[in-house]
């Protein structure tokens, strides 16, 4: 596999949203059940920290961040999402994307990257721990997962603090 990680552009909208929807359909990626429009996606993610991984031009995964708050004191804290096409999982795509994000956020002065992951998503938890994230805690029964049985779900809260800042 000849992976290339590059900045995400509007030309990536269709594959990015399709990969997002595949993750949502799995029931283990998010409380959401439908990927947003590109306009909503684009307006809620920071443009300098959106990347795709592609092999021979085919997008296999993406990573992006959103600010956790509009307050200036939290300017260095972001929440991220990383999604990998089901056929590309287990091939290092997620790790490459996550490391690219760590590099880009540290260069920009971001000191904390956080994420919430379902405890059943053991592959994502292992990936994040391998990339320097630590478990902060478990938010028990934080919300109902309407699209998948309307059941209460826990979320593991993870963060990575930059050792450079």
N, C-alpha and C. Protein backbone atom coordinates (compact mmCIF):
# COMPACT_ATOMS: atom_id res chain seq x y z
N UNK A 1 0.85 -1.18 0.00
CA UNK A 1 0.00 0.00 0.00
C UNK A 1 0.89 1.24 0.00
N UNK A 2 0.57 2.16 -0.87
CA UNK A 2 1.35 3.39 -1.01
C UNK A 2 0.49 4.56 -0.54
N UNK A 3 0.43 4.75 0.78
CA UNK A 3 -0.43 5.77 1.36
C UNK A 3 0.19 7.15 1.27
N UNK A 4 -0.67 8.10 0.92
CA UNK A 4 -0.31 9.50 0.90
C UNK A 4 -1.30 10.23 1.80
N UNK A 5 -0.80 11.01 2.74
CA UNK A 5 -1.67 11.85 3.56
C UNK A 5 -1.52 13.26 3.05
N UNK A 6 -2.67 13.91 2.84
CA UNK A 6 -2.66 15.27 2.31
C UNK A 6 -3.81 16.05 2.94
N UNK A 7 -3.78 17.38 2.81
CA UNK A 7 -4.89 18.16 3.33
C UNK A 7 -6.20 17.79 2.63
N UNK A 8 -7.27 17.80 3.39
CA UNK A 8 -8.61 17.54 2.85
C UNK A 8 -9.08 18.78 2.09
N UNK A 9 -9.72 18.55 0.95
CA UNK A 9 -10.29 19.65 0.17
C UNK A 9 -11.76 19.36 -0.11
N UNK A 10 -12.44 20.33 -0.67
CA UNK A 10 -13.84 20.15 -1.04
C UNK A 10 -14.01 19.03 -2.07
N UNK A 11 -12.98 18.76 -2.86
CA UNK A 11 -13.04 17.66 -3.83
C UNK A 11 -13.15 16.30 -3.15
N UNK A 12 -12.80 16.24 -1.86
CA UNK A 12 -12.87 14.99 -1.10
C UNK A 12 -14.23 14.78 -0.44
N UNK A 13 -15.15 15.69 -0.64
CA UNK A 13 -16.43 15.64 0.07
C UNK A 13 -17.13 14.29 -0.06
N UNK A 14 -17.31 13.80 -1.25
CA UNK A 14 -18.07 12.56 -1.44
C UNK A 14 -17.43 11.37 -0.73
N UNK A 15 -16.13 11.09 -0.92
CA UNK A 15 -15.57 9.94 -0.21
C UNK A 15 -15.48 10.15 1.30
N UNK A 16 -15.20 11.37 1.75
CA UNK A 16 -15.14 11.64 3.18
C UNK A 16 -16.49 11.37 3.83
N UNK A 17 -17.55 11.89 3.24
CA UNK A 17 -18.87 11.69 3.82
C UNK A 17 -19.33 10.25 3.70
N UNK A 18 -18.93 9.53 2.65
CA UNK A 18 -19.27 8.11 2.52
C UNK A 18 -18.57 7.28 3.60
N UNK A 19 -17.31 7.58 3.86
CA UNK A 19 -16.57 6.87 4.92
C UNK A 19 -17.17 7.21 6.27
N UNK A 20 -17.54 8.46 6.47
CA UNK A 20 -18.20 8.88 7.70
C UNK A 20 -19.49 8.08 7.89
N UNK A 21 -20.30 7.99 6.85
CA UNK A 21 -21.57 7.27 6.95
C UNK A 21 -21.35 5.79 7.24
N UNK A 22 -20.34 5.19 6.64
CA UNK A 22 -20.04 3.78 6.92
C UNK A 22 -19.70 3.59 8.39
N UNK A 23 -18.95 4.52 8.96
CA UNK A 23 -18.65 4.44 10.39
C UNK A 23 -19.90 4.59 11.23
N UNK A 24 -20.76 5.52 10.86
CA UNK A 24 -22.01 5.71 11.61
C UNK A 24 -22.89 4.47 11.50
N UNK A 25 -22.92 3.86 10.33
CA UNK A 25 -23.73 2.66 10.13
C UNK A 25 -23.26 1.49 11.00
N UNK A 26 -21.99 1.48 11.36
CA UNK A 26 -21.46 0.39 12.19
C UNK A 26 -22.05 0.43 13.60
N UNK A 27 -22.49 1.58 14.04
CA UNK A 27 -23.04 1.73 15.39
C UNK A 27 -21.99 1.87 16.46
N UNK A 28 -20.71 1.88 16.11
CA UNK A 28 -19.64 1.96 17.10
C UNK A 28 -18.79 3.21 16.98
N UNK A 29 -19.23 4.17 16.17
CA UNK A 29 -18.40 5.35 15.92
C UNK A 29 -18.94 6.63 16.53
N UNK A 30 -20.25 6.77 16.65
CA UNK A 30 -20.81 8.04 17.07
C UNK A 30 -22.27 7.87 17.46
N UNK A 31 -22.79 8.83 18.18
CA UNK A 31 -24.22 8.86 18.46
C UNK A 31 -25.01 9.32 17.23
N UNK A 32 -24.35 10.00 16.31
CA UNK A 32 -25.02 10.47 15.10
C UNK A 32 -25.43 9.27 14.26
N UNK A 33 -26.43 9.45 13.41
CA UNK A 33 -26.83 8.35 12.54
C UNK A 33 -26.77 8.72 11.06
N UNK A 34 -26.60 9.99 10.76
CA UNK A 34 -26.49 10.44 9.38
C UNK A 34 -25.34 11.44 9.27
N UNK A 35 -24.47 11.21 8.30
CA UNK A 35 -23.39 12.16 8.05
C UNK A 35 -23.99 13.51 7.65
N UNK A 36 -23.34 14.59 8.03
CA UNK A 36 -23.86 15.92 7.66
C UNK A 36 -23.63 16.21 6.19
N UNK A 37 -24.19 17.29 5.74
CA UNK A 37 -23.86 17.79 4.41
C UNK A 37 -22.41 18.27 4.43
N UNK A 38 -21.83 18.42 3.25
CA UNK A 38 -20.47 18.94 3.19
C UNK A 38 -20.40 20.35 3.78
N UNK A 39 -21.40 21.15 3.54
CA UNK A 39 -21.40 22.52 4.04
C UNK A 39 -21.32 22.55 5.56
N UNK A 40 -22.08 21.69 6.22
CA UNK A 40 -22.05 21.62 7.69
C UNK A 40 -20.70 21.06 8.15
N UNK A 41 -20.26 19.99 7.52
CA UNK A 41 -18.97 19.39 7.87
C UNK A 41 -17.87 20.44 7.75
N UNK A 42 -17.83 21.11 6.62
CA UNK A 42 -16.79 22.10 6.33
C UNK A 42 -16.81 23.26 7.32
N UNK A 43 -17.98 23.70 7.71
CA UNK A 43 -18.09 24.87 8.58
C UNK A 43 -17.81 24.57 10.05
N UNK A 44 -17.78 23.29 10.42
CA UNK A 44 -17.59 22.95 11.84
C UNK A 44 -16.22 22.34 12.15
N UNK A 45 -15.38 22.18 11.15
CA UNK A 45 -14.03 21.64 11.36
C UNK A 45 -12.98 22.69 11.00
N UNK A 46 -11.91 22.70 11.78
CA UNK A 46 -10.84 23.67 11.54
C UNK A 46 -10.10 23.32 10.25
N UNK A 47 -9.97 24.25 9.33
CA UNK A 47 -9.41 23.94 8.01
C UNK A 47 -7.95 23.51 8.02
N UNK A 48 -7.16 23.95 8.99
CA UNK A 48 -5.73 23.61 9.00
C UNK A 48 -5.44 22.22 9.55
N UNK A 49 -6.46 21.53 10.04
CA UNK A 49 -6.23 20.22 10.67
C UNK A 49 -7.23 19.20 10.16
N UNK A 50 -7.37 19.17 8.84
CA UNK A 50 -8.22 18.18 8.16
C UNK A 50 -7.36 17.49 7.12
N UNK A 51 -7.30 16.17 7.23
CA UNK A 51 -6.43 15.40 6.34
C UNK A 51 -7.15 14.17 5.83
N UNK A 52 -6.74 13.71 4.67
CA UNK A 52 -7.20 12.43 4.15
C UNK A 52 -5.98 11.56 3.85
N UNK A 53 -6.20 10.26 3.96
CA UNK A 53 -5.19 9.29 3.54
C UNK A 53 -5.73 8.63 2.28
N UNK A 54 -4.89 8.59 1.25
CA UNK A 54 -5.31 8.02 -0.02
C UNK A 54 -4.27 7.04 -0.53
N UNK A 55 -4.74 6.05 -1.28
CA UNK A 55 -3.89 5.07 -1.95
C UNK A 55 -4.27 5.11 -3.42
N UNK A 56 -3.34 5.46 -4.27
CA UNK A 56 -3.59 5.58 -5.71
C UNK A 56 -4.79 6.48 -6.00
N UNK A 57 -4.91 7.55 -5.22
CA UNK A 57 -5.98 8.51 -5.44
C UNK A 57 -7.30 8.18 -4.75
N UNK A 58 -7.43 6.99 -4.19
CA UNK A 58 -8.66 6.59 -3.51
C UNK A 58 -8.57 6.94 -2.04
N UNK A 59 -9.50 7.75 -1.55
CA UNK A 59 -9.51 8.14 -0.14
C UNK A 59 -9.89 6.94 0.71
N UNK A 60 -9.03 6.61 1.68
CA UNK A 60 -9.25 5.47 2.56
C UNK A 60 -9.62 5.88 3.98
N UNK A 61 -9.39 7.14 4.32
CA UNK A 61 -9.73 7.60 5.66
C UNK A 61 -9.52 9.08 5.78
N UNK A 62 -10.05 9.63 6.89
CA UNK A 62 -9.91 11.06 7.13
C UNK A 62 -9.83 11.33 8.62
N UNK A 63 -9.30 12.51 8.93
CA UNK A 63 -9.22 12.99 10.31
C UNK A 63 -9.47 14.50 10.28
N UNK A 64 -10.16 14.98 11.31
CA UNK A 64 -10.45 16.42 11.38
C UNK A 64 -10.70 16.80 12.83
N UNK A 65 -10.55 18.08 13.12
CA UNK A 65 -10.79 18.58 14.47
C UNK A 65 -11.81 19.71 14.47
N UNK A 66 -12.44 19.84 15.62
CA UNK A 66 -13.36 20.95 15.88
C UNK A 66 -12.91 21.61 17.17
N UNK A 67 -13.10 22.90 17.29
CA UNK A 67 -12.78 23.55 18.57
C UNK A 67 -13.75 23.06 19.65
N UNK A 68 -13.28 22.95 20.89
CA UNK A 68 -14.17 22.52 21.97
C UNK A 68 -14.96 23.69 22.53
N UNK A 69 -14.49 24.91 22.28
CA UNK A 69 -15.15 26.09 22.82
C UNK A 69 -14.76 27.30 21.99
N UNK A 70 -15.62 28.29 22.00
CA UNK A 70 -15.31 29.56 21.33
C UNK A 70 -14.53 30.49 22.25
N UNK A 71 -14.40 30.13 23.52
CA UNK A 71 -13.68 30.97 24.47
C UNK A 71 -12.18 30.95 24.17
N UNK A 72 -11.56 32.09 24.22
CA UNK A 72 -10.13 32.23 23.87
C UNK A 72 -9.23 31.34 24.72
N UNK A 73 -9.56 31.13 25.98
CA UNK A 73 -8.69 30.33 26.84
C UNK A 73 -8.62 28.87 26.39
N UNK A 74 -9.58 28.43 25.58
CA UNK A 74 -9.59 27.05 25.10
C UNK A 74 -9.13 26.94 23.64
N UNK A 75 -8.47 27.95 23.13
CA UNK A 75 -8.04 27.95 21.73
C UNK A 75 -7.09 26.81 21.41
N UNK A 76 -6.40 26.29 22.39
CA UNK A 76 -5.45 25.20 22.18
C UNK A 76 -6.01 23.83 22.50
N UNK A 77 -7.33 23.72 22.55
CA UNK A 77 -7.98 22.44 22.85
C UNK A 77 -8.95 22.12 21.72
N UNK A 78 -8.78 20.94 21.13
CA UNK A 78 -9.64 20.51 20.03
C UNK A 78 -10.16 19.10 20.29
N UNK A 79 -11.26 18.80 19.64
CA UNK A 79 -11.80 17.45 19.65
C UNK A 79 -11.67 16.90 18.25
N UNK A 80 -11.23 15.67 18.13
CA UNK A 80 -11.01 15.12 16.79
C UNK A 80 -11.90 13.91 16.52
N UNK A 81 -12.01 13.63 15.23
CA UNK A 81 -12.66 12.43 14.72
C UNK A 81 -11.73 11.82 13.68
N UNK A 82 -11.65 10.50 13.69
CA UNK A 82 -10.87 9.79 12.67
C UNK A 82 -11.72 8.62 12.19
N UNK A 83 -11.85 8.51 10.88
CA UNK A 83 -12.65 7.46 10.27
C UNK A 83 -11.85 6.80 9.16
N UNK A 84 -11.91 5.47 9.11
CA UNK A 84 -11.20 4.70 8.09
C UNK A 84 -12.22 3.82 7.38
N UNK A 85 -12.11 3.76 6.06
CA UNK A 85 -13.01 2.91 5.28
C UNK A 85 -12.94 1.48 5.82
N UNK A 86 -14.07 0.79 5.94
CA UNK A 86 -14.05 -0.57 6.50
C UNK A 86 -13.06 -1.51 5.81
N UNK A 87 -12.89 -1.40 4.51
CA UNK A 87 -11.95 -2.29 3.80
C UNK A 87 -10.49 -1.93 4.05
N UNK A 88 -10.23 -0.75 4.62
CA UNK A 88 -8.85 -0.33 4.86
C UNK A 88 -8.46 -0.42 6.34
N UNK A 89 -9.37 -0.84 7.18
CA UNK A 89 -9.07 -0.92 8.61
C UNK A 89 -8.02 -1.99 8.88
N UNK A 90 -7.17 -1.73 9.87
CA UNK A 90 -6.12 -2.66 10.24
C UNK A 90 -4.89 -2.58 9.35
N UNK A 91 -4.80 -1.55 8.51
CA UNK A 91 -3.67 -1.42 7.57
C UNK A 91 -2.80 -0.21 7.87
N UNK A 92 -2.97 0.41 9.04
CA UNK A 92 -2.13 1.53 9.43
C UNK A 92 -2.64 2.90 9.00
N UNK A 93 -3.80 2.96 8.37
CA UNK A 93 -4.35 4.23 7.90
C UNK A 93 -4.66 5.15 9.08
N UNK A 94 -5.34 4.61 10.09
CA UNK A 94 -5.71 5.41 11.26
C UNK A 94 -4.49 5.96 11.99
N UNK A 95 -3.47 5.14 12.15
CA UNK A 95 -2.26 5.58 12.84
C UNK A 95 -1.57 6.69 12.07
N UNK A 96 -1.49 6.55 10.76
CA UNK A 96 -0.85 7.58 9.93
C UNK A 96 -1.63 8.89 10.01
N UNK A 97 -2.94 8.81 9.96
CA UNK A 97 -3.76 10.02 10.07
C UNK A 97 -3.62 10.66 11.44
N UNK A 98 -3.64 9.86 12.48
CA UNK A 98 -3.54 10.40 13.83
C UNK A 98 -2.18 11.05 14.06
N UNK A 99 -1.12 10.44 13.57
CA UNK A 99 0.20 11.05 13.73
C UNK A 99 0.32 12.35 12.93
N UNK A 100 -0.29 12.38 11.74
CA UNK A 100 -0.30 13.62 10.95
C UNK A 100 -1.03 14.72 11.71
N UNK A 101 -2.15 14.37 12.33
CA UNK A 101 -2.90 15.36 13.10
C UNK A 101 -2.09 15.85 14.29
N UNK A 102 -1.45 14.96 15.00
CA UNK A 102 -0.61 15.35 16.14
C UNK A 102 0.46 16.34 15.68
N UNK A 103 1.11 16.03 14.58
CA UNK A 103 2.16 16.92 14.06
C UNK A 103 1.60 18.29 13.69
N UNK A 104 0.45 18.31 13.01
CA UNK A 104 -0.10 19.60 12.56
C UNK A 104 -0.61 20.43 13.73
N UNK A 105 -1.22 19.80 14.72
CA UNK A 105 -1.74 20.57 15.85
C UNK A 105 -0.61 21.08 16.74
N UNK A 106 0.41 20.26 16.95
CA UNK A 106 1.54 20.73 17.76
C UNK A 106 2.23 21.91 17.08
N UNK A 107 2.40 21.85 15.77
CA UNK A 107 3.03 22.96 15.05
C UNK A 107 2.20 24.24 15.16
N UNK A 108 0.90 24.10 15.39
CA UNK A 108 0.01 25.25 15.49
C UNK A 108 -0.23 25.71 16.93
N UNK A 109 0.41 25.05 17.89
CA UNK A 109 0.26 25.46 19.28
C UNK A 109 -0.92 24.86 20.01
N UNK A 110 -1.53 23.85 19.44
CA UNK A 110 -2.61 23.15 20.13
C UNK A 110 -1.99 22.27 21.21
N UNK A 111 -2.47 22.39 22.45
CA UNK A 111 -1.87 21.62 23.53
C UNK A 111 -2.68 20.41 23.96
N UNK A 112 -3.95 20.33 23.57
CA UNK A 112 -4.76 19.17 23.94
C UNK A 112 -5.65 18.74 22.79
N UNK A 113 -5.57 17.46 22.47
CA UNK A 113 -6.50 16.83 21.52
C UNK A 113 -7.33 15.86 22.35
N UNK A 114 -8.64 15.95 22.22
CA UNK A 114 -9.49 15.02 22.97
C UNK A 114 -10.45 14.31 22.04
N UNK A 115 -11.01 13.22 22.56
CA UNK A 115 -11.98 12.46 21.79
C UNK A 115 -12.81 11.62 22.75
N UNK A 116 -14.01 11.30 22.33
CA UNK A 116 -14.87 10.38 23.06
C UNK A 116 -15.10 9.14 22.20
N UNK A 117 -14.85 7.96 22.78
CA UNK A 117 -14.93 6.71 22.02
C UNK A 117 -15.77 5.71 22.81
N UNK A 118 -16.65 4.99 22.12
CA UNK A 118 -17.41 3.95 22.79
C UNK A 118 -16.46 2.89 23.32
N UNK A 119 -16.67 2.38 24.52
CA UNK A 119 -15.75 1.37 25.08
C UNK A 119 -15.69 0.08 24.26
N UNK A 120 -16.72 -0.20 23.49
CA UNK A 120 -16.73 -1.39 22.64
C UNK A 120 -15.83 -1.25 21.43
N UNK A 121 -15.42 -0.04 21.11
CA UNK A 121 -14.56 0.21 19.95
C UNK A 121 -13.10 0.03 20.37
N UNK A 122 -12.76 -1.21 20.66
CA UNK A 122 -11.45 -1.53 21.22
C UNK A 122 -10.30 -1.20 20.27
N UNK A 123 -10.52 -1.33 18.97
CA UNK A 123 -9.44 -1.01 18.01
C UNK A 123 -9.11 0.48 18.06
N UNK A 124 -10.12 1.34 18.13
CA UNK A 124 -9.86 2.78 18.20
C UNK A 124 -9.21 3.15 19.53
N UNK A 125 -9.65 2.54 20.61
CA UNK A 125 -9.02 2.81 21.90
C UNK A 125 -7.55 2.41 21.89
N UNK A 126 -7.24 1.24 21.34
CA UNK A 126 -5.85 0.78 21.27
C UNK A 126 -5.00 1.72 20.40
N UNK A 127 -5.54 2.15 19.28
CA UNK A 127 -4.83 3.09 18.40
C UNK A 127 -4.51 4.37 19.15
N UNK A 128 -5.49 4.94 19.82
CA UNK A 128 -5.27 6.19 20.54
C UNK A 128 -4.26 6.03 21.67
N UNK A 129 -4.35 4.97 22.42
CA UNK A 129 -3.38 4.75 23.49
C UNK A 129 -1.97 4.60 22.91
N UNK A 130 -1.84 3.89 21.78
CA UNK A 130 -0.53 3.71 21.14
C UNK A 130 0.05 5.04 20.64
N UNK A 131 -0.82 6.02 20.39
CA UNK A 131 -0.37 7.32 19.89
C UNK A 131 -0.27 8.37 21.01
N UNK A 132 -0.25 7.93 22.25
CA UNK A 132 0.00 8.84 23.36
C UNK A 132 -1.23 9.43 24.03
N UNK A 133 -2.41 8.96 23.68
CA UNK A 133 -3.62 9.42 24.37
C UNK A 133 -3.77 8.65 25.67
N UNK A 134 -4.36 9.30 26.65
CA UNK A 134 -4.64 8.62 27.92
C UNK A 134 -6.13 8.70 28.19
N UNK A 135 -6.61 7.71 28.90
CA UNK A 135 -8.00 7.70 29.30
C UNK A 135 -8.17 8.65 30.48
N UNK A 136 -9.04 9.61 30.33
CA UNK A 136 -9.34 10.57 31.39
C UNK A 136 -10.42 10.00 32.30
N UNK A 137 -11.38 9.33 31.70
CA UNK A 137 -12.47 8.74 32.46
C UNK A 137 -13.53 8.17 31.54
N UNK A 138 -14.55 7.65 32.16
CA UNK A 138 -15.68 7.09 31.42
C UNK A 138 -16.91 7.89 31.78
N UNK A 139 -17.55 8.41 30.76
CA UNK A 139 -18.80 9.14 30.95
C UNK A 139 -19.91 8.11 30.83
N UNK A 140 -20.40 7.66 31.96
CA UNK A 140 -21.36 6.57 32.00
C UNK A 140 -22.75 7.02 31.56
N UNK A 141 -23.32 6.21 30.69
CA UNK A 141 -24.69 6.47 30.22
C UNK A 141 -24.87 7.94 29.85
N UNK A 142 -23.95 8.47 29.05
CA UNK A 142 -23.93 9.89 28.73
C UNK A 142 -25.06 10.29 27.79
N UNK A 143 -25.48 9.36 26.92
CA UNK A 143 -26.55 9.68 25.97
C UNK A 143 -27.17 8.40 25.44
N UNK A 144 -28.35 8.56 24.86
CA UNK A 144 -29.04 7.43 24.24
C UNK A 144 -28.66 7.35 22.77
N UNK A 145 -28.42 6.15 22.33
CA UNK A 145 -28.04 5.90 20.95
C UNK A 145 -29.29 5.48 20.18
N UNK A 146 -30.03 6.47 19.72
CA UNK A 146 -31.33 6.24 19.11
C UNK A 146 -31.27 5.37 17.85
N UNK A 147 -30.25 5.55 17.05
CA UNK A 147 -30.17 4.82 15.78
C UNK A 147 -29.82 3.35 15.97
N UNK A 148 -29.38 2.97 17.14
CA UNK A 148 -28.96 1.59 17.38
C UNK A 148 -29.60 1.06 18.67
N UNK A 149 -30.90 0.88 18.62
CA UNK A 149 -31.60 0.26 19.72
C UNK A 149 -32.03 1.19 20.83
N UNK A 150 -31.85 2.48 20.65
CA UNK A 150 -32.25 3.47 21.65
C UNK A 150 -31.74 3.10 23.04
N UNK A 151 -30.47 2.71 23.10
CA UNK A 151 -29.88 2.29 24.37
C UNK A 151 -28.91 3.34 24.89
N UNK A 152 -28.78 3.39 26.20
CA UNK A 152 -27.81 4.29 26.82
C UNK A 152 -26.42 3.76 26.54
N UNK A 153 -25.49 4.67 26.26
CA UNK A 153 -24.11 4.28 25.96
C UNK A 153 -23.13 5.04 26.83
N UNK A 154 -22.06 4.37 27.19
CA UNK A 154 -20.93 5.00 27.85
C UNK A 154 -19.99 5.54 26.78
N UNK A 155 -19.18 6.51 27.15
CA UNK A 155 -18.15 7.04 26.26
C UNK A 155 -16.86 7.18 27.07
N UNK A 156 -15.77 6.66 26.52
CA UNK A 156 -14.46 6.81 27.13
C UNK A 156 -13.90 8.15 26.66
N UNK A 157 -13.55 9.01 27.60
CA UNK A 157 -12.98 10.31 27.28
C UNK A 157 -11.46 10.18 27.27
N UNK A 158 -10.86 10.50 26.12
CA UNK A 158 -9.40 10.40 25.94
C UNK A 158 -8.84 11.77 25.65
N UNK A 159 -7.58 11.97 26.02
CA UNK A 159 -6.90 13.20 25.64
C UNK A 159 -5.42 12.93 25.44
N UNK A 160 -4.84 13.78 24.62
CA UNK A 160 -3.39 13.79 24.43
C UNK A 160 -2.92 15.20 24.66
N UNK A 161 -2.01 15.33 25.61
CA UNK A 161 -1.41 16.63 25.89
C UNK A 161 -0.08 16.70 25.19
N UNK A 162 0.18 17.79 24.53
CA UNK A 162 1.44 17.96 23.83
C UNK A 162 2.58 18.10 24.83
N UNK A 163 3.63 17.31 24.67
CA UNK A 163 4.78 17.48 25.55
C UNK A 163 5.61 18.71 25.16
N UNK A 164 5.30 19.32 24.03
CA UNK A 164 6.07 20.47 23.54
C UNK A 164 5.56 21.79 24.10
N UNK A 165 4.34 21.81 24.61
CA UNK A 165 3.73 23.07 25.02
C UNK A 165 3.44 23.09 26.51
